Amino acid sequence: MPRMSAKKAKAALNFCTRRDGLLCIDCGKRPARELHHLDDNYENNPADGSNWIGLCHSCHRKMHPRGPNRPKTEPSAGMKYIEKEGAGEDAIESDGMRLRAGSIEMQKNILCEPKFTAWLESIIEEVGMIALADAINGGAMHAGCSQQVIKRYLDKLCSFIGPYEYFTNEEGKRYVRLKQVKEKTTILPISSAAKGV
């Protein structure tokens, strides 16, 4: 099988970042911008993506050092892989699913984000909205993560494709609520009779 084209490599990297998150699987600090083949065989490109991960440039260079007599380094302690069969010991379990584990931050995120999202959904379903400060502080306490992480979750949930929106009342207090359906107005063309022509 020939080497993957640049277009296919970019598509494979996009697949990895959707599956594993936008950050490097190894360091968890920098954006994943390079595709790495787990078995170091660039011709092994299964359709399910099981041989690919996304790495930052620095971590990818550790895997494939350049120059003579440069030893390949082992992945950092944060990088873990799931064996194709049975998910392996490095996988973590969330809601009965075996998930690919990366850095400690990624492992925590895999567990915290759904926990926070379910909590927020139950509050808004019951009450209709929640004060932003309560969502941040209560959400952090409930999900077991920092307030800064909760703010990022809220920004995702309140994005243009998310189900919620930020709302400011007359007193200037900010809330999170379910997106309000806005009435669509139809602009009708002005007929020639209405124009007086």
Protein backbone atom coordinates (compact mmCIF):
# COMPACT_ATOMS: atom_id res chain seq x y z
CA MET A 1 0.00 0.00 0.00
CA PRO A 2 1.51 3.40 -0.93
CA ARG A 3 2.17 6.25 1.46
CA MET A 4 -0.89 8.30 2.38
CA SER A 5 -1.43 11.53 0.39
CA ALA A 6 -1.25 14.86 2.23
CA LYS A 7 -5.02 15.30 1.83
CA LYS A 8 -5.72 11.86 3.33
CA ALA A 9 -3.21 12.47 6.13
CA LYS A 10 -5.01 15.71 7.00
CA ALA A 11 -8.36 13.89 7.01
CA ALA A 12 -6.87 11.17 9.24
CA LEU A 13 -5.52 13.81 11.65
CA ASN A 14 -8.95 15.49 11.75
CA PHE A 15 -10.43 12.07 12.56
CA CYS A 16 -7.93 11.66 15.43
CA THR A 17 -8.63 15.11 16.89
CA ARG A 18 -12.38 14.48 16.82
CA ARG A 19 -11.85 11.11 18.53
CA ASP A 20 -9.09 12.02 21.01
CA GLY A 21 -9.35 15.81 21.43
CA LEU A 22 -7.43 18.71 19.93
CA LEU A 23 -4.32 18.38 22.10
CA CYS A 24 -1.31 16.15 21.60
CA ILE A 25 -1.93 12.65 22.97
CA ASP A 26 1.59 12.55 24.45
CA CYS A 27 2.11 15.87 26.24
CA GLY A 28 -1.51 17.10 26.37
CA LYS A 29 -0.26 20.70 26.15
CA ARG A 30 0.15 21.61 22.50
CA PRO A 31 -2.22 21.15 19.55
CA ALA A 32 -2.04 17.82 17.72
CA ARG A 33 -0.79 18.84 14.27
CA GLU A 34 0.94 15.71 13.03
CA LEU A 35 -0.34 12.21 12.36
CA HIS A 36 1.62 9.36 13.97
CA HIS A 37 1.26 5.67 13.07
CA LEU A 38 1.32 3.58 16.25
CA ASP A 39 3.14 0.70 14.59
CA ASP A 40 5.52 3.08 12.72
CA ASN A 41 4.27 1.61 9.43
CA TYR A 42 3.02 4.54 7.36
CA GLU A 43 1.42 2.11 4.92
CA ASN A 44 -0.84 0.61 7.62
CA ASN A 45 -3.93 2.84 7.42
CA PRO A 46 -7.01 0.93 8.60
CA ALA A 47 -10.35 2.63 7.96
CA ASP A 48 -11.22 2.59 11.68
CA GLY A 49 -8.17 4.77 12.50
CA SER A 50 -6.87 2.31 15.09
CA ASN A 51 -3.26 2.86 13.96
CA TRP A 52 -3.29 6.67 14.19
CA ILE A 53 -2.88 9.27 16.90
CA GLY A 54 -2.37 13.04 16.76
CA LEU A 55 0.88 14.46 18.15
CA CYS A 56 2.41 17.91 18.36
CA HIS A 57 5.57 18.51 16.32
CA SER A 58 7.86 18.22 19.36
CA CYS A 59 6.47 14.88 20.58
CA HIS A 60 6.40 13.49 17.03
CA ARG A 61 10.10 14.33 16.70
CA LYS A 62 10.77 12.36 19.89
CA MET A 63 9.15 9.38 18.19
CA HIS A 64 11.05 9.86 14.94
CA PRO A 65 14.33 11.66 15.71
CA ARG A 66 16.29 13.06 12.78
CA GLY A 67 19.99 12.69 12.18
CA PRO A 68 22.52 9.89 12.62
CA ASN A 69 22.80 7.92 15.86
CA ARG A 70 19.81 9.58 17.50
CA PRO A 71 17.89 7.04 19.53
CA LYS A 72 14.13 6.91 19.39
CA THR A 73 12.66 7.88 22.76
CA GLU A 74 9.84 6.07 24.45
CA PRO A 75 6.52 7.85 24.81
CA SER A 76 5.99 9.84 27.99
CA ALA A 77 4.12 8.34 30.90
CA GLY A 78 1.02 10.27 29.80
CA MET A 79 0.77 8.39 26.49
CA LYS A 80 -1.13 5.16 26.70
CA TYR A 81 -2.67 2.98 24.04
CA ILE A 82 -5.54 0.58 23.92
CA GLU A 83 -4.86 -2.77 22.38
CA LYS A 84 -7.15 -3.43 19.45
CA GLU A 85 -8.77 -6.41 21.17
CA GLY A 86 -10.36 -5.87 24.59
CA ALA A 87 -9.25 -2.24 25.11
CA GLY A 88 -6.33 -3.18 27.39
CA GLU A 89 -5.44 -2.18 30.94
CA ASP A 90 -4.69 1.44 30.01
CA ALA A 91 -8.28 2.13 29.03
CA ILE A 92 -10.62 3.84 31.44
CA GLU A 93 -14.28 3.07 31.80
CA SER A 94 -17.06 5.64 31.57
CA ASP A 95 -20.74 4.71 31.48
CA GLY A 96 -19.86 1.14 30.61
CA MET A 97 -17.67 2.14 27.65
CA ARG A 98 -13.96 1.39 27.40
CA LEU A 99 -12.25 4.59 26.27
CA ARG A 100 -8.81 5.44 24.92
CA ALA A 101 -6.75 6.99 27.69
CA GLY A 102 -4.23 9.75 27.04
CA SER A 103 -2.77 12.21 29.47
CA ILE A 104 -4.15 12.50 32.99
CA GLU A 105 -5.97 15.68 31.95
CA MET A 106 -7.66 13.84 29.07
CA GLN A 107 -8.67 10.98 31.33
CA LYS A 108 -10.25 13.41 33.77
CA ASN A 109 -11.97 15.31 30.96
CA ILE A 110 -13.47 12.09 29.58
CA LEU A 111 -15.18 11.58 32.94
CA CYS A 112 -15.94 15.19 33.99
CA GLU A 113 -17.49 16.71 30.87
CA PRO A 114 -20.39 14.23 30.54
CA LYS A 115 -20.98 14.41 34.30
CA PHE A 116 -21.18 18.21 34.16
CA THR A 117 -23.32 18.23 31.01
CA ALA A 118 -25.86 15.81 32.54
CA TRP A 119 -25.96 17.88 35.76
CA LEU A 120 -26.52 21.14 33.84
CA GLU A 121 -29.21 19.53 31.68
CA SER A 122 -31.11 18.31 34.76
CA ILE A 123 -30.95 21.75 36.43
CA ILE A 124 -32.12 23.64 33.35
CA GLU A 125 -34.83 21.07 32.64
CA GLU A 126 -36.15 21.47 36.19
CA VAL A 127 -35.75 25.24 36.73
CA GLY A 128 -35.46 26.69 33.21
CA MET A 129 -32.16 28.54 33.72
CA ILE A 130 -29.24 28.80 36.13
CA ALA A 131 -27.15 31.77 37.19
CA LEU A 132 -23.79 31.65 35.43
CA ALA A 133 -21.86 31.86 38.72
CA ASP A 134 -23.90 28.94 40.12
CA ALA A 135 -23.32 26.92 36.95
CA ILE A 136 -19.56 27.48 37.21
CA ASN A 137 -19.17 26.95 40.96
CA GLY A 138 -21.78 24.23 41.43
CA GLY A 139 -20.74 22.49 38.22
CA ALA A 140 -17.09 22.42 39.29
CA MET A 141 -18.06 20.98 42.65
CA HIS A 142 -20.39 18.37 41.13
CA ALA A 143 -18.08 17.25 38.29
CA GLY A 144 -14.89 17.39 40.37
CA CYS A 145 -12.92 19.75 38.15
CA SER A 146 -11.79 23.37 38.18
CA GLN A 147 -13.99 26.40 37.52
CA GLN A 148 -11.82 27.26 34.51
CA VAL A 149 -12.57 23.87 32.94
CA ILE A 150 -16.30 24.36 33.58
CA LYS A 151 -16.12 27.74 31.81
CA ARG A 152 -14.68 25.97 28.76
CA TYR A 153 -17.44 23.35 28.89
CA LEU A 154 -20.05 26.13 29.10
CA ASP A 155 -18.50 27.96 26.16
CA LYS A 156 -18.83 24.77 24.10
CA LEU A 157 -22.42 24.20 25.22
CA CYS A 158 -23.33 27.85 24.51
CA SER A 159 -21.60 27.98 21.12
CA PHE A 160 -23.69 28.54 18.01
CA ILE A 161 -24.27 24.79 17.67
CA GLY A 162 -24.68 24.07 21.39
CA PRO A 163 -28.10 23.62 23.05
CA TYR A 164 -27.71 26.48 25.55
CA GLU A 165 -27.13 30.22 25.49
CA TYR A 166 -25.89 32.92 27.83
CA PHE A 167 -28.62 35.33 28.85
CA THR A 168 -28.41 38.67 30.71
CA ASN A 169 -31.49 39.90 32.57
CA GLU A 170 -32.57 43.53 33.12
CA GLU A 171 -30.44 43.80 36.29
CA GLY A 172 -27.35 42.68 34.39
CA LYS A 173 -27.12 39.22 36.01
CA ARG A 174 -25.92 36.48 33.63
CA TYR A 175 -27.65 33.13 33.25
CA VAL A 176 -27.41 29.97 31.17
CA ARG A 177 -30.64 28.71 29.59
CA LEU A 178 -31.92 26.55 26.77
CA LYS A 179 -31.64 28.40 23.46
CA GLN A 180 -34.77 30.35 22.70
CA VAL A 181 -36.42 29.67 19.37
CA LYS A 182 -36.48 32.90 17.45
CA GLU A 183 -39.32 33.57 15.09
CA LYS A 184 -38.23 33.64 11.52
CA THR A 185 -39.41 36.69 9.64
CA THR A 186 -40.02 36.36 5.99
CA ILE A 187 -39.25 39.31 3.80
CA LEU A 188 -41.62 39.34 0.91
CA PRO A 189 -40.63 40.99 -2.33
CA ILE A 190 -42.48 44.17 -3.10
CA SER A 191 -44.76 43.64 -6.03
CA SER A 192 -44.83 46.14 -8.86
CA ALA A 193 -48.44 47.07 -7.91
CA ALA A 194 -47.37 47.97 -4.35
CA LYS A 195 -44.50 50.07 -5.65
CA GLY A 196 -46.95 52.16 -7.65
CA VAL A 197 -45.36 51.33 -10.97
